[in-house]
């Protein structure tokens, strides 16, 4: 009986370890993904002569895109250009590979105001 109890404890520890490792990996990948997207946003704004002052993930309803049928990720970017404060909106497709544009996904798109 004691042996069965120990086996159950070992199985529990293994399952908890797997779940914990999965959560850590998910957090790490999410962090890396966010850094890549932020660099991409900065590059786009700087290429147009602007300087990013704020980046926020927002709901599609708060963007000029208005509707999301494909699962994109939406950003509101505040930036300065020639001393003027400006706003841009960015739709990033929701794919693991930043170069992927899924056939039924949302290709990236910018809206500058």
PDB file of N, CA and C in Angstrom:
ATOM      1  N   UNK A   1       0.818  -1.197   0.000  1.00  0.00           N
ATOM      2  CA  UNK A   1       0.000   0.000   0.000  1.00  0.00           C
ATOM      3  C   UNK A   1       0.860   1.258   0.000  1.00  0.00           C
ATOM      4  N   UNK A   2       1.911   1.218   0.787  1.00  0.00           N
ATOM      5  CA  UNK A   2       2.813   2.367   0.879  1.00  0.00           C
ATOM      6  C   UNK A   2       3.502   2.636  -0.455  1.00  0.00           C
ATOM      7  N   UNK A   3       3.778   1.560  -1.163  1.00  0.00           N
ATOM      8  CA  UNK A   3       4.422   1.674  -2.459  1.00  0.00           C
ATOM      9  C   UNK A   3       3.507   2.390  -3.469  1.00  0.00           C
ATOM     10  N   UNK A   4       2.243   2.077  -3.467  1.00  0.00           N
ATOM     11  CA  UNK A   4       1.257   2.708  -4.348  1.00  0.00           C
ATOM     12  C   UNK A   4       1.143   4.186  -4.020  1.00  0.00           C
ATOM     13  N   UNK A   5       1.151   4.496  -2.733  1.00  0.00           N
ATOM     14  CA  UNK A   5       1.063   5.889  -2.300  1.00  0.00           C
ATOM     15  C   UNK A   5       2.272   6.687  -2.816  1.00  0.00           C
ATOM     16  N   UNK A   6       3.466   6.115  -2.710  1.00  0.00           N
ATOM     17  CA  UNK A   6       4.685   6.777  -3.191  1.00  0.00           C
ATOM     18  C   UNK A   6       4.639   6.972  -4.702  1.00  0.00           C
ATOM     19  N   UNK A   7       4.110   5.978  -5.410  1.00  0.00           N
ATOM     20  CA  UNK A   7       4.001   6.069  -6.858  1.00  0.00           C
ATOM     21  C   UNK A   7       3.058   7.210  -7.256  1.00  0.00           C
ATOM     22  N   UNK A   8       1.950   7.343  -6.547  1.00  0.00           N
ATOM     23  CA  UNK A   8       1.013   8.425  -6.821  1.00  0.00           C
ATOM     24  C   UNK A   8       1.659   9.777  -6.559  1.00  0.00           C
ATOM     25  N   UNK A   9       2.462   9.875  -5.508  1.00  0.00           N
ATOM     26  CA  UNK A   9       3.158  11.128  -5.209  1.00  0.00           C
ATOM     27  C   UNK A   9       4.160  11.473  -6.316  1.00  0.00           C
ATOM     28  N   UNK A  10       4.868  10.451  -6.791  1.00  0.00           N
ATOM     29  CA  UNK A  10       5.838  10.687  -7.872  1.00  0.00           C
ATOM     30  C   UNK A  10       5.130  11.154  -9.137  1.00  0.00           C
ATOM     31  N   UNK A  11       4.005  10.530  -9.456  1.00  0.00           N
ATOM     32  CA  UNK A  11       3.240  10.932 -10.641  1.00  0.00           C
ATOM     33  C   UNK A  11       2.735  12.365 -10.488  1.00  0.00           C
ATOM     34  N   UNK A  12       2.294  12.717  -9.313  1.00  0.00           N
ATOM     35  CA  UNK A  12       1.816  14.078  -9.059  1.00  0.00           C
ATOM     36  C   UNK A  12       2.952  15.079  -9.250  1.00  0.00           C
ATOM     37  N   UNK A  13       4.118  14.774  -8.710  1.00  0.00           N
ATOM     38  CA  UNK A  13       5.271  15.663  -8.862  1.00  0.00           C
ATOM     39  C   UNK A  13       5.667  15.817 -10.326  1.00  0.00           C
ATOM     40  N   UNK A  14       5.621  14.727 -11.058  1.00  0.00           N
ATOM     41  CA  UNK A  14       5.961  14.785 -12.484  1.00  0.00           C
ATOM     42  C   UNK A  14       4.966  15.664 -13.231  1.00  0.00           C
ATOM     43  N   UNK A  15       3.679  15.489 -12.973  1.00  0.00           N
ATOM     44  CA  UNK A  15       2.650  16.296 -13.645  1.00  0.00           C
ATOM     45  C   UNK A  15       2.803  17.765 -13.281  1.00  0.00           C
ATOM     46  N   UNK A  16       3.005  18.061 -12.009  1.00  0.00           N
ATOM     47  CA  UNK A  16       3.191  19.452 -11.574  1.00  0.00           C
ATOM     48  C   UNK A  16       4.435  20.032 -12.234  1.00  0.00           C
ATOM     49  N   UNK A  17       5.493  19.260 -12.324  1.00  0.00           N
ATOM     50  CA  UNK A  17       6.728  19.717 -12.967  1.00  0.00           C
ATOM     51  C   UNK A  17       6.523  20.029 -14.443  1.00  0.00           C
ATOM     52  N   UNK A  18       5.794  19.179 -15.133  1.00  0.00           N
ATOM     53  CA  UNK A  18       5.519  19.390 -16.555  1.00  0.00           C
ATOM     54  C   UNK A  18       4.680  20.652 -16.748  1.00  0.00           C
ATOM     55  N   UNK A  19       3.635  20.818 -15.938  1.00  0.00           N
ATOM     56  CA  UNK A  19       2.782  22.003 -16.045  1.00  0.00           C
ATOM     57  C   UNK A  19       3.588  23.269 -15.748  1.00  0.00           C
ATOM     58  N   UNK A  20       4.384  23.235 -14.683  1.00  0.00           N
ATOM     59  CA  UNK A  20       5.200  24.389 -14.306  1.00  0.00           C
ATOM     60  C   UNK A  20       6.188  24.747 -15.414  1.00  0.00           C
ATOM     61  N   UNK A  21       6.844  23.745 -15.984  1.00  0.00           N
ATOM     62  CA  UNK A  21       7.793  23.976 -17.082  1.00  0.00           C
ATOM     63  C   UNK A  21       7.068  24.560 -18.296  1.00  0.00           C
ATOM     64  N   UNK A  22       5.880  24.052 -18.580  1.00  0.00           N
ATOM     65  CA  UNK A  22       5.090  24.577 -19.699  1.00  0.00           C
ATOM     66  C   UNK A  22       4.730  26.039 -19.498  1.00  0.00           C
ATOM     67  N   UNK A  23       4.342  26.400 -18.284  1.00  0.00           N
ATOM     68  CA  UNK A  23       4.005  27.791 -17.993  1.00  0.00           C
ATOM     69  C   UNK A  23       5.216  28.709 -18.140  1.00  0.00           C
ATOM     70  N   UNK A  24       6.360  28.256 -17.675  1.00  0.00           N
ATOM     71  CA  UNK A  24       7.586  29.048 -17.819  1.00  0.00           C
ATOM     72  C   UNK A  24       7.924  29.228 -19.295  1.00  0.00           C
ATOM     73  N   UNK A  25       7.848  28.158 -20.077  1.00  0.00           N
ATOM     74  CA  UNK A  25       8.142  28.250 -21.514  1.00  0.00           C
ATOM     75  C   UNK A  25       7.154  29.166 -22.229  1.00  0.00           C
ATOM     76  N   UNK A  26       5.880  29.074 -21.884  1.00  0.00           N
ATOM     77  CA  UNK A  26       4.873  29.944 -22.484  1.00  0.00           C
ATOM     78  C   UNK A  26       5.185  31.409 -22.179  1.00  0.00           C
ATOM     79  N   UNK A  27       5.504  31.712 -20.936  1.00  0.00           N
ATOM     80  CA  UNK A  27       5.849  33.081 -20.547  1.00  0.00           C
ATOM     81  C   UNK A  27       7.072  33.583 -21.278  1.00  0.00           C
ATOM     82  N   UNK A  28       8.080  32.734 -21.407  1.00  0.00           N
ATOM     83  CA  UNK A  28       9.316  33.124 -22.089  1.00  0.00           C
ATOM     84  C   UNK A  28       9.055  33.395 -23.570  1.00  0.00           C
ATOM     85  N   UNK A  29       8.322  32.520 -24.250  1.00  0.00           N
ATOM     86  CA  UNK A  29       8.011  32.697 -25.673  1.00  0.00           C
ATOM     87  C   UNK A  29       7.163  33.951 -25.868  1.00  0.00           C
ATOM     88  N   UNK A  30       6.202  34.169 -24.990  1.00  0.00           N
ATOM     89  CA  UNK A  30       5.358  35.361 -25.071  1.00  0.00           C
ATOM     90  C   UNK A  30       6.197  36.634 -24.935  1.00  0.00           C
ATOM     91  N   UNK A  31       7.132  36.625 -24.010  1.00  0.00           N
ATOM     92  CA  UNK A  31       8.013  37.780 -23.800  1.00  0.00           C
ATOM     93  C   UNK A  31       8.882  38.043 -25.035  1.00  0.00           C
ATOM     94  N   UNK A  32       9.459  36.993 -25.584  1.00  0.00           N
ATOM     95  CA  UNK A  32      10.296  37.121 -26.789  1.00  0.00           C
ATOM     96  C   UNK A  32       9.452  37.647 -27.950  1.00  0.00           C
ATOM     97  N   UNK A  33       8.242  37.120 -28.114  1.00  0.00           N
ATOM     98  CA  UNK A  33       7.344  37.556 -29.184  1.00  0.00           C
ATOM     99  C   UNK A  33       7.049  39.048 -29.051  1.00  0.00           C
ATOM    100  N   UNK A  34       6.725  39.491 -27.829  1.00  0.00           N
ATOM    101  CA  UNK A  34       6.427  40.903 -27.598  1.00  0.00           C
ATOM    102  C   UNK A  34       7.626  41.784 -27.940  1.00  0.00           C
ATOM    103  N   UNK A  35       8.826  41.356 -27.583  1.00  0.00           N
ATOM    104  CA  UNK A  35      10.036  42.128 -27.906  1.00  0.00           C
ATOM    105  C   UNK A  35      10.224  42.253 -29.415  1.00  0.00           C
ATOM    106  N   UNK A  36       9.977  41.191 -30.146  1.00  0.00           N
ATOM    107  CA  UNK A  36      10.116  41.218 -31.603  1.00  0.00           C
ATOM    108  C   UNK A  36       9.123  42.204 -32.213  1.00  0.00           C
ATOM    109  N   UNK A  37       7.876  42.149 -31.758  1.00  0.00           N
ATOM    110  CA  UNK A  37       6.840  43.031 -32.292  1.00  0.00           C
ATOM    111  C   UNK A  37       7.150  44.488 -31.950  1.00  0.00           C
ATOM    112  N   UNK A  38       7.612  44.753 -30.738  1.00  0.00           N
ATOM    113  CA  UNK A  38       7.953  46.124 -30.342  1.00  0.00           C
ATOM    114  C   UNK A  38       9.102  46.657 -31.197  1.00  0.00           C
ATOM    115  N   UNK A  39      10.108  45.838 -31.458  1.00  0.00           N
ATOM    116  CA  UNK A  39      11.214  46.255 -32.342  1.00  0.00           C
ATOM    117  C   UNK A  39      10.690  46.555 -33.742  1.00  0.00           C
ATOM    118  N   UNK A  40       9.783  45.734 -34.217  1.00  0.00           N
ATOM    119  CA  UNK A  40       9.189  45.931 -35.539  1.00  0.00           C
ATOM    120  C   UNK A  40       8.434  47.270 -35.602  1.00  0.00           C
ATOM    121  N   UNK A  41       7.685  47.581 -34.559  1.00  0.00           N
ATOM    122  CA  UNK A  41       6.938  48.840 -34.497  1.00  0.00           C
ATOM    123  C   UNK A  41       7.902  50.025 -34.493  1.00  0.00           C
ATOM    124  N   UNK A  42       8.915  49.969 -33.652  1.00  0.00           N
ATOM    125  CA  UNK A  42       9.905  51.044 -33.607  1.00  0.00           C
ATOM    126  C   UNK A  42      10.578  51.242 -34.969  1.00  0.00           C
ATOM    127  N   UNK A  43      10.934  50.150 -35.626  1.00  0.00           N
ATOM    128  CA  UNK A  43      11.595  50.238 -36.933  1.00  0.00           C
ATOM    129  C   UNK A  43      10.709  50.937 -37.959  1.00  0.00           C
ATOM    130  N   UNK A  44       9.437  50.593 -37.983  1.00  0.00           N
ATOM    131  CA  UNK A  44       8.505  51.185 -38.947  1.00  0.00           C
ATOM    132  C   UNK A  44       8.344  52.685 -38.707  1.00  0.00           C
ATOM    133  N   UNK A  45       8.137  53.086 -37.449  1.00  0.00           N
ATOM    134  CA  UNK A  45       7.944  54.497 -37.123  1.00  0.00           C
ATOM    135  C   UNK A  45       9.234  55.279 -37.379  1.00  0.00           C
ATOM    136  N   UNK A  46      10.369  54.738 -36.989  1.00  0.00           N
ATOM    137  CA  UNK A  46      11.653  55.421 -37.187  1.00  0.00           C
ATOM    138  C   UNK A  46      11.984  55.542 -38.673  1.00  0.00           C
ATOM    139  N   UNK A  47      11.589  54.571 -39.474  1.00  0.00           N
ATOM    140  CA  UNK A  47      11.826  54.641 -40.917  1.00  0.00           C
ATOM    141  C   UNK A  47      11.058  55.799 -41.546  1.00  0.00           C
ATOM    142  N   UNK A  48       9.990  56.238 -40.885  1.00  0.00           N
ATOM    143  CA  UNK A  48       9.204  57.363 -41.394  1.00  0.00           C
ATOM    144  C   UNK A  48       9.601  58.667 -40.717  1.00  0.00           C
ATOM    145  N   UNK A  49      10.696  58.634 -39.943  1.00  0.00           N
ATOM    146  CA  UNK A  49      11.192  59.846 -39.307  1.00  0.00           C
ATOM    147  C   UNK A  49      10.568  60.158 -37.972  1.00  0.00           C
ATOM    148  N   UNK A  50       9.864  59.206 -37.377  1.00  0.00           N
ATOM    149  CA  UNK A  50       9.194  59.438 -36.100  1.00  0.00           C
ATOM    150  C   UNK A  50       9.929  58.787 -34.942  1.00  0.00           C
ATOM    151  N   UNK A  51       9.486  59.144 -33.735  1.00  0.00           N
ATOM    152  CA  UNK A  51      10.021  58.556 -32.506  1.00  0.00           C
ATOM    153  C   UNK A  51       8.840  58.055 -31.681  1.00  0.00           C
ATOM    154  N   UNK A  52       8.847  56.778 -31.354  1.00  0.00           N
ATOM    155  CA  UNK A  52       7.756  56.165 -30.592  1.00  0.00           C
ATOM    156  C   UNK A  52       7.777  56.686 -29.154  1.00  0.00           C
ATOM    157  N   UNK A  53       6.597  57.084 -28.657  1.00  0.00           N
ATOM    158  CA  UNK A  53       6.476  57.523 -27.264  1.00  0.00           C
ATOM    159  C   UNK A  53       5.647  56.553 -26.429  1.00  0.00           C
ATOM    160  N   UNK A  54       4.764  55.782 -27.056  1.00  0.00           N
ATOM    161  CA  UNK A  54       3.939  54.835 -26.311  1.00  0.00           C
ATOM    162  C   UNK A  54       3.390  53.761 -27.244  1.00  0.00           C
ATOM    163  N   UNK A  55       3.356  52.535 -26.751  1.00  0.00           N
ATOM    164  CA  UNK A  55       2.767  51.402 -27.479  1.00  0.00           C
ATOM    165  C   UNK A  55       1.807  50.702 -26.528  1.00  0.00           C
ATOM    166  N   UNK A  56       0.577  50.479 -26.998  1.00  0.00           N
ATOM    167  CA  UNK A  56      -0.423  49.779 -26.181  1.00  0.00           C
ATOM    168  C   UNK A  56      -1.102  48.706 -27.020  1.00  0.00           C
ATOM    169  N   UNK A  57      -1.285  47.514 -26.431  1.00  0.00           N
ATOM    170  CA  UNK A  57      -2.148  46.508 -27.053  1.00  0.00           C
ATOM    171  C   UNK A  57      -3.571  46.927 -26.737  1.00  0.00           C
ATOM    172  N   UNK A  58      -4.427  46.940 -27.755  1.00  0.00           N
ATOM    173  CA  UNK A  58      -5.808  47.362 -27.533  1.00  0.00           C
ATOM    174  C   UNK A  58      -6.775  46.416 -28.245  1.00  0.00           C
ATOM    175  N   UNK A  59      -8.027  46.509 -27.857  1.00  0.00           N
ATOM    176  CA  UNK A  59      -9.079  45.710 -28.495  1.00  0.00           C
ATOM    177  C   UNK A  59      -9.369  46.271 -29.882  1.00  0.00           C
ATOM    178  N   UNK A  60      -9.754  45.427 -30.793  1.00  0.00           N
ATOM    179  CA  UNK A  60     -10.014  45.838 -32.170  1.00  0.00           C
ATOM    180  C   UNK A  60     -11.076  46.928 -32.238  1.00  0.00           C
ATOM    181  N   UNK A  61     -12.043  46.904 -31.327  1.00  0.00           N
ATOM    182  CA  UNK A  61     -13.123  47.893 -31.347  1.00  0.00           C
ATOM    183  C   UNK A  61     -12.613  49.313 -31.115  1.00  0.00           C
ATOM    184  N   UNK A  62     -11.436  49.441 -30.513  1.00  0.00           N
ATOM    185  CA  UNK A  62     -10.860  50.758 -30.228  1.00  0.00           C
ATOM    186  C   UNK A  62      -9.916  51.217 -31.327  1.00  0.00           C
ATOM    187  N   UNK A  63      -9.922  50.512 -32.455  1.00  0.00           N
ATOM    188  CA  UNK A  63      -9.058  50.860 -33.583  1.00  0.00           C
ATOM    189  C   UNK A  63      -9.907  51.225 -34.797  1.00  0.00           C
ATOM    190  N   UNK A  64      -9.291  51.824 -35.804  1.00  0.00           N
ATOM    191  CA  UNK A  64     -10.012  52.065 -37.053  1.00  0.00           C
ATOM    192  C   UNK A  64     -10.363  50.775 -37.806  1.00  0.00           C
ATOM    193  N   UNK A  65      -9.753  49.649 -37.421  1.00  0.00           N
ATOM    194  CA  UNK A  65     -10.069  48.379 -38.071  1.00  0.00           C
ATOM    195  C   UNK A  65     -11.491  47.937 -37.734  1.00  0.00           C
ATOM    196  N   UNK A  66     -11.948  48.232 -36.515  1.00  0.00           N
ATOM    197  CA  UNK A  66     -13.305  48.025 -36.002  1.00  0.00           C
ATOM    198  C   UNK A  66     -13.732  46.576 -35.813  1.00  0.00           C
ATOM    199  N   UNK A  67     -13.308  45.666 -36.660  1.00  0.00           N
ATOM    200  CA  UNK A  67     -13.801  44.291 -36.600  1.00  0.00           C
ATOM    201  C   UNK A  67     -12.639  43.327 -36.830  1.00  0.00           C
ATOM    202  N   UNK A  68     -12.666  42.231 -36.092  1.00  0.00           N
ATOM    203  CA  UNK A  68     -11.608  41.233 -36.220  1.00  0.00           C
ATOM    204  C   UNK A  68     -12.224  39.877 -36.509  1.00  0.00           C
ATOM    205  N   UNK A  69     -12.131  39.446 -37.761  1.00  0.00           N
ATOM    206  CA  UNK A  69     -12.658  38.142 -38.145  1.00  0.00           C
ATOM    207  C   UNK A  69     -11.584  37.060 -38.162  1.00  0.00           C
ATOM    208  N   UNK A  70     -10.333  37.459 -37.914  1.00  0.00           N
ATOM    209  CA  UNK A  70      -9.240  36.527 -38.155  1.00  0.00           C
ATOM    210  C   UNK A  70      -8.260  36.361 -37.000  1.00  0.00           C
ATOM    211  N   UNK A  71      -8.470  37.033 -35.895  1.00  0.00           N
ATOM    212  CA  UNK A  71      -7.608  36.830 -34.730  1.00  0.00           C
ATOM    213  C   UNK A  71      -6.307  37.584 -34.758  1.00  0.00           C
ATOM    214  N   UNK A  72      -6.321  38.812 -35.212  1.00  0.00           N
ATOM    215  CA  UNK A  72      -5.112  39.627 -35.192  1.00  0.00           C
ATOM    216  C   UNK A  72      -4.844  40.197 -33.809  1.00  0.00           C
ATOM    217  N   UNK A  73      -3.674  40.781 -33.641  1.00  0.00           N
ATOM    218  CA  UNK A  73      -3.293  41.480 -32.421  1.00  0.00           C
ATOM    219  C   UNK A  73      -3.182  42.951 -32.794  1.00  0.00           C
ATOM    220  N   UNK A  74      -3.776  43.839 -31.997  1.00  0.00           N
ATOM    221  CA  UNK A  74      -3.886  45.250 -32.364  1.00  0.00           C
ATOM    222  C   UNK A  74      -3.125  46.136 -31.396  1.00  0.00           C
ATOM    223  N   UNK A  75      -2.471  47.155 -31.967  1.00  0.00           N
ATOM    224  CA  UNK A  75      -1.673  48.081 -31.184  1.00  0.00           C
ATOM    225  C   UNK A  75      -2.035  49.513 -31.531  1.00  0.00           C
ATOM    226  N   UNK A  76      -1.982  50.367 -30.521  1.00  0.00           N
ATOM    227  CA  UNK A  76      -2.088  51.812 -30.716  1.00  0.00           C
ATOM    228  C   UNK A  76      -0.706  52.363 -30.410  1.00  0.00           C
ATOM    229  N   UNK A  77      -0.144  53.102 -31.356  1.00  0.00           N
ATOM    230  CA  UNK A  77       1.197  53.637 -31.211  1.00  0.00           C
ATOM    231  C   UNK A  77       1.118  55.158 -31.205  1.00  0.00           C
ATOM    232  N   UNK A  78       1.623  55.759 -30.149  1.00  0.00           N
ATOM    233  CA  UNK A  78       1.757  57.212 -30.081  1.00  0.00           C
ATOM    234  C   UNK A  78       3.203  57.518 -30.452  1.00  0.00           C
ATOM    235  N   UNK A  79       3.386  58.528 -31.312  1.00  0.00           N
ATOM    236  CA  UNK A  79       4.746  58.876 -31.706  1.00  0.00           C
ATOM    237  C   UNK A  79       4.821  60.357 -32.058  1.00  0.00           C
ATOM    238  N   UNK A  80       6.045  60.850 -32.120  1.00  0.00           N
ATOM    239  CA  UNK A  80       6.276  62.243 -32.508  1.00  0.00           C
ATOM    240  C   UNK A  80       6.981  62.268 -33.848  1.00  0.00           C
ATOM    241  N   UNK A  81       6.532  63.203 -34.683  1.00  0.00           N
ATOM    242  CA  UNK A  81       7.128  63.377 -36.006  1.00  0.00           C
ATOM    243  C   UNK A  81       7.197  64.874 -36.277  1.00  0.00           C
ATOM    244  N   UNK A  82       8.408  65.391 -36.437  1.00  0.00           N
ATOM    245  CA  UNK A  82       8.627  66.822 -36.664  1.00  0.00           C
ATOM    246  C   UNK A  82       7.952  67.684 -35.598  1.00  0.00           C
ATOM    247  N   UNK A  83       8.023  67.237 -34.345  1.00  0.00           N
ATOM    248  CA  UNK A  83       7.463  67.999 -33.237  1.00  0.00           C
ATOM    249  C   UNK A  83       5.970  67.817 -33.016  1.00  0.00           C
ATOM    250  N   UNK A  84       5.293  67.079 -33.886  1.00  0.00           N
ATOM    251  CA  UNK A  84       3.851  66.837 -33.751  1.00  0.00           C
ATOM    252  C   UNK A  84       3.598  65.458 -33.132  1.00  0.00           C
ATOM    253  N   UNK A  85       2.605  65.392 -32.235  1.00  0.00           N
ATOM    254  CA  UNK A  85       2.187  64.102 -31.683  1.00  0.00           C
ATOM    255  C   UNK A  85       1.228  63.443 -32.672  1.00  0.00           C
ATOM    256  N   UNK A  86       1.490  62.188 -32.975  1.00  0.00           N
ATOM    257  CA  UNK A  86       0.660  61.460 -33.935  1.00  0.00           C
ATOM    258  C   UNK A  86       0.308  60.090 -33.386  1.00  0.00           C
ATOM    259  N   UNK A  87      -0.667  59.471 -34.037  1.00  0.00           N
ATOM    260  CA  UNK A  87      -1.123  58.142 -33.642  1.00  0.00           C
ATOM    261  C   UNK A  87      -1.131  57.228 -34.859  1.00  0.00           C
ATOM    262  N   UNK A  88      -0.729  55.992 -34.628  1.00  0.00           N
ATOM    263  CA  UNK A  88      -0.815  54.959 -35.664  1.00  0.00           C
ATOM    264  C   UNK A  88      -1.436  53.723 -35.029  1.00  0.00           C
ATOM    265  N   UNK A  89      -2.065  52.920 -35.861  1.00  0.00           N
ATOM    266  CA  UNK A  89      -2.636  51.655 -35.411  1.00  0.00           C
ATOM    267  C   UNK A  89      -2.009  50.551 -36.243  1.00  0.00           C
ATOM    268  N   UNK A  90      -1.739  49.448 -35.575  1.00  0.00           N
ATOM    269  CA  UNK A  90      -1.034  48.347 -36.226  1.00  0.00           C
ATOM    270  C   UNK A  90      -1.767  47.049 -35.939  1.00  0.00           C
ATOM    271  N   UNK A  91      -2.044  46.302 -36.998  1.00  0.00           N
ATOM    272  CA  UNK A  91      -2.613  44.960 -36.851  1.00  0.00           C
ATOM    273  C   UNK A  91      -1.515  43.969 -37.174  1.00  0.00           C
ATOM    274  N   UNK A  92      -1.205  43.139 -36.227  1.00  0.00           N
ATOM    275  CA  UNK A  92      -0.192  42.092 -36.390  1.00  0.00           C
ATOM    276  C   UNK A  92      -0.923  40.773 -36.502  1.00  0.00           C
ATOM    277  N   UNK A  93      -0.593  39.998 -37.513  1.00  0.00           N
ATOM    278  CA  UNK A  93      -1.224  38.688 -37.594  1.00  0.00           C
ATOM    279  C   UNK A  93      -0.772  37.837 -36.418  1.00  0.00           C
ATOM    280  N   UNK A  94      -1.621  36.959 -36.002  1.00  0.00           N
ATOM    281  CA  UNK A  94      -1.384  36.138 -34.824  1.00  0.00           C
ATOM    282  C   UNK A  94      -0.752  34.820 -35.249  1.00  0.00           C
ATOM    283  N   UNK A  95       0.543  34.867 -35.588  1.00  0.00           N
ATOM    284  CA  UNK A  95       1.273  33.671 -36.013  1.00  0.00           C
ATOM    285  C   UNK A  95       2.576  33.599 -35.235  1.00  0.00           C
ATOM    286  N   UNK A  96       3.073  32.408 -35.001  1.00  0.00           N
ATOM    287  CA  UNK A  96       4.310  32.261 -34.250  1.00  0.00           C
ATOM    288  C   UNK A  96       5.511  32.790 -35.011  1.00  0.00           C
ATOM    289  N   UNK A  97       5.557  32.559 -36.305  1.00  0.00           N
ATOM    290  CA  UNK A  97       6.668  33.044 -37.115  1.00  0.00           C
ATOM    291  C   UNK A  97       6.321  34.442 -37.607  1.00  0.00           C
ATOM    292  N   UNK A  98       7.128  35.415 -37.256  1.00  0.00           N
ATOM    293  CA  UNK A  98       6.816  36.810 -37.575  1.00  0.00           C
ATOM    294  C   UNK A  98       6.773  37.043 -39.086  1.00  0.00           C
ATOM    295  N   UNK A  99       7.364  36.167 -39.875  1.00  0.00           N
ATOM    296  CA  UNK A  99       7.356  36.315 -41.326  1.00  0.00           C
ATOM    297  C   UNK A  99       6.135  35.645 -41.970  1.00  0.00           C
ATOM    298  N   UNK A 100       5.405  34.824 -41.202  1.00  0.00           N
ATOM    299  CA  UNK A 100       4.239  34.121 -41.745  1.00  0.00           C
ATOM    300  C   UNK A 100       3.077  35.070 -41.994  1.00  0.00           C
ATOM    301  N   UNK A 101       2.385  34.888 -43.066  1.00  0.00           N
ATOM    302  CA  UNK A 101       1.083  35.515 -43.282  1.00  0.00           C
ATOM    303  C   UNK A 101       0.136  34.373 -43.612  1.00  0.00           C
ATOM    304  N   UNK A 102      -0.611  33.924 -42.627  1.00  0.00           N
ATOM    305  CA  UNK A 102      -1.475  32.758 -42.854  1.00  0.00           C
ATOM    306  C   UNK A 102      -2.494  33.024 -43.957  1.00  0.00           C
ATOM    307  N   UNK A 103      -2.827  31.995 -44.701  1.00  0.00           N
ATOM    308  CA  UNK A 103      -3.753  32.173 -45.823  1.00  0.00           C
ATOM    309  C   UNK A 103      -5.108  32.687 -45.373  1.00  0.00           C
ATOM    310  N   UNK A 104      -5.561  32.321 -44.190  1.00  0.00           N
ATOM    311  CA  UNK A 104      -6.838  32.813 -43.683  1.00  0.00           C
ATOM    312  C   UNK A 104      -6.639  33.761 -42.508  1.00  0.00           C
ATOM    313  N   UNK A 105      -5.414  34.185 -42.280  1.00  0.00           N
ATOM    314  CA  UNK A 105      -5.112  35.068 -41.157  1.00  0.00           C
ATOM    315  C   UNK A 105      -5.169  36.527 -41.558  1.00  0.00           C
ATOM    316  N   UNK A 106      -4.798  37.365 -40.623  1.00  0.00           N
ATOM    317  CA  UNK A 106      -4.813  38.802 -40.850  1.00  0.00           C
ATOM    318  C   UNK A 106      -3.413  39.253 -41.221  1.00  0.00           C
ATOM    319  N   UNK A 107      -3.194  39.632 -42.471  1.00  0.00           N
ATOM    320  CA  UNK A 107      -1.868  40.165 -42.785  1.00  0.00           C
ATOM    321  C   UNK A 107      -1.656  41.449 -42.009  1.00  0.00           C
ATOM    322  N   UNK A 108      -0.403  41.747 -41.743  1.00  0.00           N
ATOM    323  CA  UNK A 108      -0.149  42.966 -40.986  1.00  0.00           C
ATOM    324  C   UNK A 108      -0.631  44.173 -41.765  1.00  0.00           C
ATOM    325  N   UNK A 109      -1.034  45.203 -41.037  1.00  0.00           N
ATOM    326  CA  UNK A 109      -1.528  46.413 -41.675  1.00  0.00           C
ATOM    327  C   UNK A 109      -1.326  47.588 -40.736  1.00  0.00           C
ATOM    328  N   UNK A 110      -0.994  48.730 -41.317  1.00  0.00           N
ATOM    329  CA  UNK A 110      -0.799  49.967 -40.560  1.00  0.00           C
ATOM    330  C   UNK A 110      -1.848  50.975 -40.978  1.00  0.00           C
ATOM    331  N   UNK A 111      -2.310  51.765 -40.014  1.00  0.00           N
ATOM    332  CA  UNK A 111      -3.154  52.924 -40.298  1.00  0.00           C
ATOM    333  C   UNK A 111      -2.518  54.112 -39.574  1.00  0.00           C
ATOM    334  N   UNK A 112      -2.132  55.106 -40.336  1.00  0.00           N
ATOM    335  CA  UNK A 112      -1.524  56.317 -39.760  1.00  0.00           C
ATOM    336  C   UNK A 112      -2.551  57.431 -39.785  1.00  0.00           C
ATOM    337  N   UNK A 113      -2.704  58.129 -38.660  1.00  0.00           N
ATOM    338  CA  UNK A 113      -3.641  59.257 -38.608  1.00  0.00           C
ATOM    339  C   UNK A 113      -2.886  60.562 -38.735  1.00  0.00           C
TER     340      UNK A 113
END
